[in-house]
PDB file of N, CA and C in Angstrom:
ATOM      1  N   MET A   1     110.020  97.814  95.783  1.00  0.00           N
ATOM      2  CA  MET A   1     110.078  99.215  96.165  1.00  0.00           C
ATOM      3  C   MET A   1     108.940 100.285  96.138  1.00  0.00           C
ATOM      4  N   THR A   2     108.291 100.818  96.805  1.00  0.00           N
ATOM      5  CA  THR A   2     107.376 101.345  96.182  1.00  0.00           C
ATOM      6  C   THR A   2     107.522 102.612  96.278  1.00  0.00           C
ATOM      7  N   ASP A   3     106.326 103.251  95.478  1.00  0.00           N
ATOM      8  CA  ASP A   3     106.084 103.856  94.349  1.00  0.00           C
ATOM      9  C   ASP A   3     107.155 105.655  95.192  1.00  0.00           C
ATOM     10  N   PRO A   4     106.638 105.914  96.212  1.00  0.00           N
ATOM     11  CA  PRO A   4     107.489 107.111  97.164  1.00  0.00           C
ATOM     12  C   PRO A   4     108.573 106.749  96.857  1.00  0.00           C
ATOM     13  N   ASP A   5     109.205 105.372  97.110  1.00  0.00           N
ATOM     14  CA  ASP A   5     110.587 105.461  97.108  1.00  0.00           C
ATOM     15  C   ASP A   5     111.484 105.053  95.963  1.00  0.00           C
ATOM     16  N   LYS A   6     110.461 105.273  95.188  1.00  0.00           N
ATOM     17  CA  LYS A   6     111.353 104.811  93.749  1.00  0.00           C
ATOM     18  C   LYS A   6     111.559 106.284  93.403  1.00  0.00           C
ATOM     19  N   GLU A   7     110.257 106.649  93.617  1.00  0.00           N
ATOM     20  CA  GLU A   7     110.335 108.582  92.837  1.00  0.00           C
ATOM     21  C   GLU A   7     110.892 109.414  93.954  1.00  0.00           C
ATOM     22  N   ARG A   8     111.769 108.930  94.941  1.00  0.00           N
ATOM     23  CA  ARG A   8     112.559 109.818  96.232  1.00  0.00           C
ATOM     24  C   ARG A   8     114.195 109.244  95.708  1.00  0.00           C
ATOM     25  N   LYS A   9     114.516 108.113  95.210  1.00  0.00           N
ATOM     26  CA  LYS A   9     115.928 107.911  94.822  1.00  0.00           C
ATOM     27  C   LYS A   9     115.621 108.338  93.571  1.00  0.00           C
ATOM     28  N   ASN A  10     114.453 108.123  92.841  1.00  0.00           N
ATOM     29  CA  ASN A  10     115.109 109.076  90.959  1.00  0.00           C
ATOM     30  C   ASN A  10     115.523 110.652  90.990  1.00  0.00           C
ATOM     31  N   LYS A  11     114.758 111.165  91.984  1.00  0.00           N
ATOM     32  CA  LYS A  11     115.636 112.637  92.680  1.00  0.00           C
ATOM     33  C   LYS A  11     116.566 113.387  93.138  1.00  0.00           C
ATOM     34  N   ILE A  12     116.714 112.273  94.054  1.00  0.00           N
ATOM     35  CA  ILE A  12     118.155 111.872  95.002  1.00  0.00           C
ATOM     36  C   ILE A  12     119.762 111.701  93.208  1.00  0.00           C
ATOM     37  N   ALA A  13     118.541 110.343  92.643  1.00  0.00           N
ATOM     38  CA  ALA A  13     119.970 110.409  91.532  1.00  0.00           C
ATOM     39  C   ALA A  13     119.950 111.403  90.602  1.00  0.00           C
ATOM     40  N   LYS A  14     119.313 112.687  90.342  1.00  0.00           N
ATOM     41  CA  LYS A  14     119.305 113.395  89.505  1.00  0.00           C
ATOM     42  C   LYS A  14     119.690 114.836  90.691  1.00  0.00           C
ATOM     43  N   TYR A  15     119.769 115.059  91.453  1.00  0.00           N
ATOM     44  CA  TYR A  15     120.319 115.913  92.034  1.00  0.00           C
ATOM     45  C   TYR A  15     122.257 115.376  92.121  1.00  0.00           C
ATOM     46  N   ILE A  16     122.787 114.451  92.537  1.00  0.00           N
ATOM     47  CA  ILE A  16     123.511 114.078  91.905  1.00  0.00           C
ATOM     48  C   ILE A  16     123.975 114.146  91.133  1.00  0.00           C
ATOM     49  N   GLY A  17     123.220 113.845  89.579  1.00  0.00           N
ATOM     50  CA  GLY A  17     123.578 113.447  88.348  1.00  0.00           C
ATOM     51  C   GLY A  17     123.879 115.112  88.091  1.00  0.00           C
ATOM     52  N   SER A  18     122.931 116.005  88.622  1.00  0.00           N
ATOM     53  CA  SER A  18     123.490 117.453  87.755  1.00  0.00           C
ATOM     54  C   SER A  18     124.826 117.866  88.884  1.00  0.00           C
ATOM     55  N   ASN A  19     124.841 117.474  89.713  1.00  0.00           N
ATOM     56  CA  ASN A  19     125.881 118.258  90.512  1.00  0.00           C
ATOM     57  C   ASN A  19     127.492 117.530  90.074  1.00  0.00           C
ATOM     58  N   ILE A  20     127.415 116.346  89.211  1.00  0.00           N
ATOM     59  CA  ILE A  20     128.675 115.622  88.950  1.00  0.00           C
ATOM     60  C   ILE A  20     128.805 116.714  87.698  1.00  0.00           C
ATOM     61  N   PHE A  21     127.731 116.960  86.759  1.00  0.00           N
ATOM     62  CA  PHE A  21     127.572 117.715  85.479  1.00  0.00           C
ATOM     63  C   PHE A  21     127.697 118.759  85.389  1.00  0.00           C
ATOM     64  N   GLN A  22     127.843 118.989  86.464  1.00  0.00           N
ATOM     65  CA  GLN A  22     128.015 120.996  86.987  1.00  0.00           C
ATOM     66  C   GLN A  22     129.409 121.412  87.684  1.00  0.00           C
ATOM     67  N   TYR A  23     130.041 120.502  88.404  1.00  0.00           N
ATOM     68  CA  TYR A  23     131.687 120.811  88.327  1.00  0.00           C
ATOM     69  C   TYR A  23     132.411 120.013  87.194  1.00  0.00           C
ATOM     70  N   ARG A  24     131.636 118.830  86.225  1.00  0.00           N
ATOM     71  CA  ARG A  24     132.276 118.469  85.000  1.00  0.00           C
ATOM     72  C   ARG A  24     132.882 119.826  84.326  1.00  0.00           C
ATOM     73  N   LYS A  25     131.605 120.444  84.283  1.00  0.00           N
ATOM     74  CA  LYS A  25     131.686 121.789  83.095  1.00  0.00           C
ATOM     75  C   LYS A  25     132.488 122.182  83.890  1.00  0.00           C
ATOM     76  N   LYS A  26     132.322 123.229  85.434  1.00  0.00           N
ATOM     77  CA  LYS A  26     133.203 123.680  85.743  1.00  0.00           C
ATOM     78  C   LYS A  26     134.462 123.876  85.515  1.00  0.00           C
ATOM     79  N   LYS A  27     134.747 122.468  86.372  1.00  0.00           N
ATOM     80  CA  LYS A  27     136.366 121.965  85.582  1.00  0.00           C
ATOM     81  C   LYS A  27     136.778 122.382  84.303  1.00  0.00           C
ATOM     82  N   GLY A  28     136.105 121.882  83.192  1.00  0.00           N
ATOM     83  CA  GLY A  28     135.810 122.657  81.658  1.00  0.00           C
ATOM     84  C   GLY A  28     136.670 120.638  81.430  1.00  0.00           C
ATOM     85  N   TYR A  29     135.935 119.868  82.030  1.00  0.00           N
ATOM     86  CA  TYR A  29     136.323 118.430  81.045  1.00  0.00           C
ATOM     87  C   TYR A  29     135.052 118.216  80.545  1.00  0.00           C
ATOM     88  N   THR A  30     135.854 116.865  79.508  1.00  0.00           N
ATOM     89  CA  THR A  30     134.646 116.527  78.537  1.00  0.00           C
ATOM     90  C   THR A  30     133.798 115.626  79.481  1.00  0.00           C
ATOM     91  N   ARG A  31     132.922 114.638  79.149  1.00  0.00           N
ATOM     92  CA  ARG A  31     132.449 113.039  79.435  1.00  0.00           C
ATOM     93  C   ARG A  31     133.606 112.370  78.671  1.00  0.00           C
ATOM     94  N   GLU A  32     133.883 112.422  78.347  1.00  0.00           N
ATOM     95  CA  GLU A  32     135.124 111.214  78.074  1.00  0.00           C
ATOM     96  C   GLU A  32     136.228 111.284  78.990  1.00  0.00           C
ATOM     97  N   GLU A  33     136.802 112.648  79.537  1.00  0.00           N
ATOM     98  CA  GLU A  33     137.499 113.338  80.146  1.00  0.00           C
ATOM     99  C   GLU A  33     137.733 112.806  81.508  1.00  0.00           C
ATOM    100  N   LEU A  34     136.483 113.263  82.042  1.00  0.00           N
ATOM    101  CA  LEU A  34     136.291 112.909  83.032  1.00  0.00           C
ATOM    102  C   LEU A  34     135.922 111.802  83.702  1.00  0.00           C
ATOM    103  N   ALA A  35     135.184 110.401  82.713  1.00  0.00           N
ATOM    104  CA  ALA A  35     135.161 108.826  82.523  1.00  0.00           C
ATOM    105  C   ALA A  35     136.860 108.908  82.749  1.00  0.00           C
ATOM    106  N   GLU A  36     137.494 108.879  81.837  1.00  0.00           N
ATOM    107  CA  GLU A  36     138.963 109.146  82.055  1.00  0.00           C
ATOM    108  C   GLU A  36     139.729 108.445  83.488  1.00  0.00           C
ATOM    109  N   LYS A  37     139.943 109.593  83.714  1.00  0.00           N
ATOM    110  CA  LYS A  37     140.339 110.616  85.505  1.00  0.00           C
ATOM    111  C   LYS A  37     139.461 109.587  85.781  1.00  0.00           C
ATOM    112  N   SER A  38     138.401 109.088  85.913  1.00  0.00           N
ATOM    113  CA  SER A  38     137.864 108.538  87.077  1.00  0.00           C
ATOM    114  C   SER A  38     137.595 107.252  86.933  1.00  0.00           C
ATOM    115  N   ASN A  39     138.260 106.221  86.221  1.00  0.00           N
ATOM    116  CA  ASN A  39     138.022 104.997  85.710  1.00  0.00           C
ATOM    117  C   ASN A  39     136.377 104.215  85.368  1.00  0.00           C
ATOM    118  N   LEU A  40     136.179 105.486  84.293  1.00  0.00           N
ATOM    119  CA  LEU A  40     134.490 105.129  84.198  1.00  0.00           C
ATOM    120  C   LEU A  40     134.078 105.257  82.672  1.00  0.00           C
ATOM    121  N   SER A  41     133.239 104.389  82.539  1.00  0.00           N
ATOM    122  CA  SER A  41     132.414 104.428  80.821  1.00  0.00           C
ATOM    123  C   SER A  41     132.239 106.007  80.641  1.00  0.00           C
ATOM    124  N   SER A  42     132.090 106.824  79.530  1.00  0.00           N
ATOM    125  CA  SER A  42     131.669 108.263  79.587  1.00  0.00           C
ATOM    126  C   SER A  42     130.159 107.583  79.305  1.00  0.00           C
ATOM    127  N   ASN A  43     129.614 106.337  79.057  1.00  0.00           N
ATOM    128  CA  ASN A  43     128.323 106.255  78.928  1.00  0.00           C
ATOM    129  C   ASN A  43     128.121 106.002  80.279  1.00  0.00           C
ATOM    130  N   HIS A  44     128.703 105.848  80.945  1.00  0.00           N
ATOM    131  CA  HIS A  44     128.087 105.533  82.730  1.00  0.00           C
ATOM    132  C   HIS A  44     128.559 106.887  83.215  1.00  0.00           C
ATOM    133  N   ILE A  45     128.947 108.090  83.272  1.00  0.00           N
ATOM    134  CA  ILE A  45     128.809 109.266  83.987  1.00  0.00           C
ATOM    135  C   ILE A  45     127.797 110.007  82.964  1.00  0.00           C
ATOM    136  N   TYR A  46     127.766 110.086  81.517  1.00  0.00           N
ATOM    137  CA  TYR A  46     125.640 110.385  81.476  1.00  0.00           C
ATOM    138  C   TYR A  46     125.410 110.071  81.458  1.00  0.00           C
ATOM    139  N   GLU A  47     124.758 108.226  82.221  1.00  0.00           N
ATOM    140  CA  GLU A  47     123.061 108.203  82.828  1.00  0.00           C
ATOM    141  C   GLU A  47     123.659 108.595  84.368  1.00  0.00           C
ATOM    142  N   LEU A  48     124.395 108.845  84.975  1.00  0.00           N
ATOM    143  CA  LEU A  48     124.994 109.081  86.274  1.00  0.00           C
ATOM    144  C   LEU A  48     124.297 110.454  86.437  1.00  0.00           C
ATOM    145  N   GLU A  49     124.713 111.090  85.018  1.00  0.00           N
ATOM    146  CA  GLU A  49     124.252 112.577  84.913  1.00  0.00           C
ATOM    147  C   GLU A  49     123.369 113.205  84.718  1.00  0.00           C
ATOM    148  N   MET A  50     122.496 111.848  84.163  1.00  0.00           N
ATOM    149  CA  MET A  50     121.221 112.174  83.735  1.00  0.00           C
ATOM    150  C   MET A  50     120.043 112.368  84.962  1.00  0.00           C
ATOM    151  N   GLY A  51     120.744 111.533  85.700  1.00  0.00           N
ATOM    152  CA  GLY A  51     120.177 110.257  87.022  1.00  0.00           C
ATOM    153  C   GLY A  51     119.686 109.144  86.917  1.00  0.00           C
ATOM    154  N   ASN A  52     120.082 108.750  85.704  1.00  0.00           N
ATOM    155  CA  ASN A  52     119.718 107.239  85.292  1.00  0.00           C
ATOM    156  C   ASN A  52     119.341 106.774  86.140  1.00  0.00           C
ATOM    157  N   CYS A  53     120.831 106.290  87.312  1.00  0.00           N
ATOM    158  CA  CYS A  53     120.912 105.632  87.690  1.00  0.00           C
ATOM    159  C   CYS A  53     121.442 106.043  88.879  1.00  0.00           C
ATOM    160  N   MET A  54     121.993 105.473  90.255  1.00  0.00           N
ATOM    161  CA  MET A  54     122.315 105.307  91.510  1.00  0.00           C
ATOM    162  C   MET A  54     123.571 105.699  91.762  1.00  0.00           C
ATOM    163  N   PRO A  55     124.410 106.659  91.982  1.00  0.00           N
ATOM    164  CA  PRO A  55     126.096 106.233  91.650  1.00  0.00           C
ATOM    165  C   PRO A  55     126.682 105.501  93.270  1.00  0.00           C
ATOM    166  N   THR A  56     127.540 104.337  93.472  1.00  0.00           N
ATOM    167  CA  THR A  56     127.734 103.737  94.308  1.00  0.00           C
ATOM    168  C   THR A  56     128.793 104.227  95.116  1.00  0.00           C
ATOM    169  N   THR A  57     128.983 104.221  96.175  1.00  0.00           N
ATOM    170  CA  THR A  57     129.820 105.380  97.039  1.00  0.00           C
ATOM    171  C   THR A  57     131.315 105.397  96.628  1.00  0.00           C
ATOM    172  N   ILE A  58     131.608 104.314  95.984  1.00  0.00           N
ATOM    173  CA  ILE A  58     132.672 103.932  95.081  1.00  0.00           C
ATOM    174  C   ILE A  58     132.958 105.006  94.006  1.00  0.00           C
ATOM    175  N   THR A  59     132.010 105.086  93.440  1.00  0.00           N
ATOM    176  CA  THR A  59     131.206 106.074  91.840  1.00  0.00           C
ATOM    177  C   THR A  59     132.028 107.224  92.681  1.00  0.00           C
ATOM    178  N   LEU A  60     131.024 107.386  93.552  1.00  0.00           N
ATOM    179  CA  LEU A  60     131.321 109.357  93.947  1.00  0.00           C
ATOM    180  C   LEU A  60     132.679 109.120  94.929  1.00  0.00           C
ATOM    181  N   ILE A  61     133.284 108.644  95.305  1.00  0.00           N
ATOM    182  CA  ILE A  61     134.313 109.120  95.016  1.00  0.00           C
ATOM    183  C   ILE A  61     135.318 109.028  94.748  1.00  0.00           C
ATOM    184  N   ASP A  62     135.171 107.754  93.369  1.00  0.00           N
ATOM    185  CA  ASP A  62     135.858 108.183  92.085  1.00  0.00           C
ATOM    186  C   ASP A  62     135.628 109.427  91.104  1.00  0.00           C
ATOM    187  N   ILE A  63     134.762 110.333  91.174  1.00  0.00           N
ATOM    188  CA  ILE A  63     133.971 111.165  90.900  1.00  0.00           C
ATOM    189  C   ILE A  63     134.993 111.997  91.095  1.00  0.00           C
ATOM    190  N   CYS A  64     134.856 112.447  92.328  1.00  0.00           N
ATOM    191  CA  CYS A  64     135.640 113.506  93.452  1.00  0.00           C
ATOM    192  C   CYS A  64     136.617 113.491  93.145  1.00  0.00           C
ATOM    193  N   ASN A  65     137.297 112.065  93.058  1.00  0.00           N
ATOM    194  CA  ASN A  65     139.105 112.312  92.866  1.00  0.00           C
ATOM    195  C   ASN A  65     139.004 112.830  91.750  1.00  0.00           C
ATOM    196  N   ALA A  66     138.958 112.310  90.751  1.00  0.00           N
ATOM    197  CA  ALA A  66     138.886 113.104  89.257  1.00  0.00           C
ATOM    198  C   ALA A  66     138.520 114.607  89.300  1.00  0.00           C
ATOM    199  N   LEU A  67     137.469 114.927  90.204  1.00  0.00           N
ATOM    200  CA  LEU A  67     137.260 116.666  89.843  1.00  0.00           C
ATOM    201  C   LEU A  67     138.283 117.251  90.722  1.00  0.00           C
ATOM    202  N   LYS A  68     138.595 116.781  91.599  1.00  0.00           N
ATOM    203  CA  LYS A  68     139.568 117.002  92.500  1.00  0.00           C
ATOM    204  C   LYS A  68     138.439 117.663  93.667  1.00  0.00           C
ATOM    205  N   ILE A  69     137.200 117.648  93.899  1.00  0.00           N
ATOM    206  CA  ILE A  69     136.697 118.305  94.781  1.00  0.00           C
ATOM    207  C   ILE A  69     136.352 117.354  95.933  1.00  0.00           C
ATOM    208  N   SER A  70     135.960 117.479  97.282  1.00  0.00           N
ATOM    209  CA  SER A  70     135.013 116.461  98.512  1.00  0.00           C
ATOM    210  C   SER A  70     133.614 116.098  97.634  1.00  0.00           C
ATOM    211  N   LEU A  71     133.749 114.902  98.507  1.00  0.00           N
ATOM    212  CA  LEU A  71     132.452 114.810  98.660  1.00  0.00           C
ATOM    213  C   LEU A  71     131.179 115.136  99.452  1.00  0.00           C
ATOM    214  N   SER A  72     131.776 116.290 100.556  1.00  0.00           N
ATOM    215  CA  SER A  72     130.249 117.573 100.689  1.00  0.00           C
ATOM    216  C   SER A  72     130.476 118.283  99.781  1.00  0.00           C
ATOM    217  N   GLN A  73     131.423 118.459  99.258  1.00  0.00           N
ATOM    218  CA  GLN A  73     131.282 119.969  97.658  1.00  0.00           C
ATOM    219  C   GLN A  73     130.154 119.189  96.826  1.00  0.00           C
ATOM    220  N   LEU A  74     130.466 117.935  96.058  1.00  0.00           N
ATOM    221  CA  LEU A  74     129.332 117.135  95.438  1.00  0.00           C
ATOM    222  C   LEU A  74     127.844 117.358  96.279  1.00  0.00           C
ATOM    223  N   ILE A  75     127.877 116.773  97.213  1.00  0.00           N
ATOM    224  CA  ILE A  75     126.680 117.149  97.918  1.00  0.00           C
ATOM    225  C   ILE A  75     125.961 118.047  97.986  1.00  0.00           C
ATOM    226  N   ASP A  76     127.281 119.631  98.135  1.00  0.00           N
ATOM    227  CA  ASP A  76     126.644 120.474  98.552  1.00  0.00           C
ATOM    228  C   ASP A  76     126.086 120.782  99.810  1.00  0.00           C
ATOM    229  N   THR A  77     127.354 120.808 100.432  1.00  0.00           N
ATOM    230  CA  THR A  77     127.188 120.818 101.876  1.00  0.00           C
ATOM    231  C   THR A  77     126.439 122.710 102.283  1.00  0.00           C
ATOM    232  N   LYS A  78     127.180 123.130 100.813  1.00  0.00           N
ATOM    233  CA  LYS A  78     126.686 124.636 101.604  1.00  0.00           C
ATOM    234  C   LYS A  78     125.441 125.189 102.066  1.00  0.00           C
ATOM    235  N   LEU A  79     124.722 123.823 102.031  1.00  0.00           N
ATOM    236  CA  LEU A  79     123.364 123.955 102.518  1.00  0.00           C
ATOM    237  C   LEU A  79     123.258 124.409 104.042  1.00  0.00           C
ATOM    238  N   PHE A  80     124.197 123.981 104.481  1.00  0.00           N
ATOM    239  CA  PHE A  80     124.552 124.399 106.169  1.00  0.00           C
ATOM    240  C   PHE A  80     125.416 125.731 106.739  1.00  0.00           C
ATOM    241  N   ASP A  81     125.571 126.156 107.471  1.00  0.00           N
ATOM    242  CA  ASP A  81     126.547 127.328 107.738  1.00  0.00           C
ATOM    243  C   ASP A  81     127.599 126.670 108.659  1.00  0.00           C
ATOM    244  N   ASN A  82     128.499 127.345 109.278  1.00  0.00           N
ATOM    245  CA  ASN A  82     129.247 126.884 110.240  1.00  0.00           C
ATOM    246  C   ASN A  82     129.097 126.240 111.639  1.00  0.00           C
ATOM    247  N   ASP A  83     127.598 126.446 111.753  1.00  0.00           N
ATOM    248  CA  ASP A  83     127.528 125.814 112.681  1.00  0.00           C
ATOM    249  C   ASP A  83     126.483 124.857 113.114  1.00  0.00           C
ATOM    250  N   ASN A  84     126.874 123.965 111.351  1.00  0.00           N
ATOM    251  CA  ASN A  84     125.783 123.732 110.846  1.00  0.00           C
ATOM    252  C   ASN A  84     124.416 123.729 110.984  1.00  0.00           C
ATOM    253  N   ASN A  85     123.921 124.825 110.972  1.00  0.00           N
ATOM    254  CA  ASN A  85     122.549 125.069 110.282  1.00  0.00           C
ATOM    255  C   ASN A  85     122.245 125.611 109.493  1.00  0.00           C
ATOM    256  N   LEU A  86     121.315 125.353 108.458  1.00  0.00           N
ATOM    257  CA  LEU A  86     120.665 125.430 107.227  1.00  0.00           C
ATOM    258  C   LEU A  86     120.960 126.624 107.071  1.00  0.00           C
ATOM    259  N   SER A  87     121.486 127.577 105.934  1.00  0.00           N
ATOM    260  CA  SER A  87     121.968 128.501 105.809  1.00  0.00           C
ATOM    261  C   SER A  87     120.574 128.713 105.311  1.00  0.00           C
ATOM    262  N   GLU A  88     120.331 130.676 105.279  1.00  0.00           N
ATOM    263  CA  GLU A  88     119.497 131.549 105.288  1.00  0.00           C
ATOM    264  C   GLU A  88     118.730 131.084 103.482  1.00  0.00           C
ATOM    265  N   ASN A  89     119.495 131.280 102.174  1.00  0.00           N
ATOM    266  CA  ASN A  89     119.446 131.773 101.428  1.00  0.00           C
ATOM    267  C   ASN A  89     119.031 129.896 101.185  1.00  0.00           C
ATOM    268  N   PHE A  90     119.037 128.755 101.834  1.00  0.00           N
ATOM    269  CA  PHE A  90     118.951 127.634 101.410  1.00  0.00           C
ATOM    270  C   PHE A  90     117.261 127.457 102.105  1.00  0.00           C
ATOM    271  N   LEU A  91     116.741 128.248 103.210  1.00  0.00           N
ATOM    272  CA  LEU A  91     115.752 128.404 104.252  1.00  0.00           C
ATOM    273  C   LEU A  91     114.173 128.808 103.066  1.00  0.00           C
ATOM    274  N   GLU A  92     115.368 130.670 103.024  1.00  0.00           N
ATOM    275  CA  GLU A  92     114.493 131.183 101.753  1.00  0.00           C
ATOM    276  C   GLU A  92     113.641 130.213 100.565  1.00  0.00           C
ATOM    277  N   ASP A  93     114.890 129.336  99.780  1.00  0.00           N
ATOM    278  CA  ASP A  93     114.446 128.811  98.389  1.00  0.00           C
ATOM    279  C   ASP A  93     113.696 127.811  98.904  1.00  0.00           C
ATOM    280  N   PHE A  94     113.888 127.100 100.149  1.00  0.00           N
ATOM    281  CA  PHE A  94     113.433 125.531 100.440  1.00  0.00           C
ATOM    282  C   PHE A  94     111.859 126.073 100.573  1.00  0.00           C
ATOM    283  N   PHE A  95     111.735 127.139 102.025  1.00  0.00           N
ATOM    284  CA  PHE A  95     109.681 127.628 101.793  1.00  0.00           C
ATOM    285  C   PHE A  95     109.665 127.915 100.632  1.00  0.00           C
ATOM    286  N   LYS A  96     109.608 128.216  99.479  1.00  0.00           N
ATOM    287  CA  LYS A  96     109.509 128.115  98.179  1.00  0.00           C
ATOM    288  C   LYS A  96     108.766 127.214  97.445  1.00  0.00           C
ATOM    289  N   LEU A  97     109.367 125.739  97.783  1.00  0.00           N
ATOM    290  CA  LEU A  97     109.566 124.616  97.543  1.00  0.00           C
ATOM    291  C   LEU A  97     107.549 123.722  97.810  1.00  0.00           C
ATOM    292  N   THR A  98     106.994 123.046  97.343  1.00  0.00           N
ATOM    293  CA  THR A  98     105.761 122.426  97.160  1.00  0.00           C
ATOM    294  C   THR A  98     106.008 121.133  98.574  1.00  0.00           C
ATOM    295  N   GLU A  99     105.164 121.009  99.333  1.00  0.00           N
ATOM    296  CA  GLU A  99     105.475 120.348 100.017  1.00  0.00           C
ATOM    297  C   GLU A  99     105.948 118.573  99.705  1.00  0.00           C
ATOM    298  N   LYS A 100     106.023 117.981  98.809  1.00  0.00           N
ATOM    299  CA  LYS A 100     105.721 117.512  98.054  1.00  0.00           C
ATOM    300  C   LYS A 100     107.586 117.373  97.602  1.00  0.00           C
ATOM    301  N   GLU A 101     108.630 118.624  97.318  1.00  0.00           N
ATOM    302  CA  GLU A 101     109.347 118.513  97.033  1.00  0.00           C
ATOM    303  C   GLU A 101     110.431 118.942  98.364  1.00  0.00           C
ATOM    304  N   LYS A 102     109.814 119.524  99.178  1.00  0.00           N
ATOM    305  CA  LYS A 102     110.072 120.143 100.420  1.00  0.00           C
ATOM    306  C   LYS A 102     110.393 118.041 100.990  1.00  0.00           C
ATOM    307  N   ASN A 103     109.311 118.013 100.692  1.00  0.00           N
ATOM    308  CA  ASN A 103     109.694 116.449 101.647  1.00  0.00           C
ATOM    309  C   ASN A 103     110.603 115.315 100.912  1.00  0.00           C
ATOM    310  N   SER A 104     111.128 115.451  99.199  1.00  0.00           N
ATOM    311  CA  SER A 104     111.948 114.873  98.881  1.00  0.00           C
ATOM    312  C   SER A 104     113.429 115.679  98.977  1.00  0.00           C
ATOM    313  N   VAL A 105     113.778 116.648  99.406  1.00  0.00           N
ATOM    314  CA  VAL A 105     114.896 117.612 100.222  1.00  0.00           C
ATOM    315  C   VAL A 105     114.958 116.983 100.909  1.00  0.00           C
ATOM    316  N   ILE A 106     114.318 116.875 102.383  1.00  0.00           N
ATOM    317  CA  ILE A 106     114.525 116.065 103.579  1.00  0.00           C
ATOM    318  C   ILE A 106     114.538 114.885 103.113  1.00  0.00           C
ATOM    319  N   GLN A 107     114.639 114.140 102.154  1.00  0.00           N
ATOM    320  CA  GLN A 107     115.014 112.916 102.067  1.00  0.00           C
ATOM    321  C   GLN A 107     116.261 112.841 101.733  1.00  0.00           C
ATOM    322  N   LEU A 108     116.226 113.750 100.858  1.00  0.00           N
ATOM    323  CA  LEU A 108     117.601 113.786 100.551  1.00  0.00           C
ATOM    324  C   LEU A 108     118.832 113.391 101.434  1.00  0.00           C
ATOM    325  N   VAL A 109     119.090 114.837 102.366  1.00  0.00           N
ATOM    326  CA  VAL A 109     119.331 115.230 103.210  1.00  0.00           C
ATOM    327  C   VAL A 109     120.104 114.044 104.080  1.00  0.00           C
ATOM    328  N   LYS A 110     119.110 113.476 104.076  1.00  0.00           N
ATOM    329  CA  LYS A 110     118.486 111.917 105.438  1.00  0.00           C
ATOM    330  C   LYS A 110     119.299 110.919 104.589  1.00  0.00           C
ATOM    331  N   PHE A 111     119.076 110.515 103.814  1.00  0.00           N
ATOM    332  CA  PHE A 111     119.576 109.712 102.634  1.00  0.00           C
ATOM    333  C   PHE A 111     120.983 109.506 102.635  1.00  0.00           C
ATOM    334  N   LEU A 112     121.835 110.624 102.342  1.00  0.00           N
ATOM    335  CA  LEU A 112     122.861 111.548 102.241  1.00  0.00           C
ATOM    336  C   LEU A 112     124.088 111.482 103.816  1.00  0.00           C
ATOM    337  N   ALA A 113     123.302 111.835 104.637  1.00  0.00           N
ATOM    338  CA  ALA A 113     123.546 111.419 105.710  1.00  0.00           C
ATOM    339  C   ALA A 113     123.886 110.587 106.417  1.00  0.00           C
ATOM    340  N   ASN A 114     123.078 109.251 105.539  1.00  0.00           N
ATOM    341  CA  ASN A 114     123.657 107.515 106.160  1.00  0.00           C
ATOM    342  C   ASN A 114     124.342 106.631 105.948  1.00  0.00           C
ATOM    343  N   ASN A 115     124.753 107.746 104.403  1.00  0.00           N
ATOM    344  CA  ASN A 115     126.096 107.130 103.609  1.00  0.00           C
ATOM    345  C   ASN A 115     126.913 108.190 103.191  1.00  0.00           C
TER     346      ASN A 115
END
C-alpha cells in the first residue's frame, strides 16, 4: 500500500472511530457496555475509537445495532440534504479545509459509498 493510501485509510479509520466514540457517549455507554452489547472486546472498541484499526462491515453493523443507530447515522449522512445534495453547512466547512483535507473527505465519501 502506498503512503497516500495508508494515510487515507488512517483518516477514514479515525473518522469512523470518532463517530463511534461520540454515539457511545451520547447513549451514555461505557466502552465495556458497548463491547458487551456488540459482542466485541472493550480493547477492540478502544482501538476502533482511537482510529487504530479499520472496522469490518460486520463490526460496524454490530456496533450500530448495539447503539441502536443506522449505519448511515454512524457515517453521517447529514452531509447530504433530502435531494442527496451536499448540505450548505457541509459545503461551508468543506471549503475551509486545505486541499489535502478536502481530498481526504472526498476519498472517505467514495470509500463509504462503495462499502
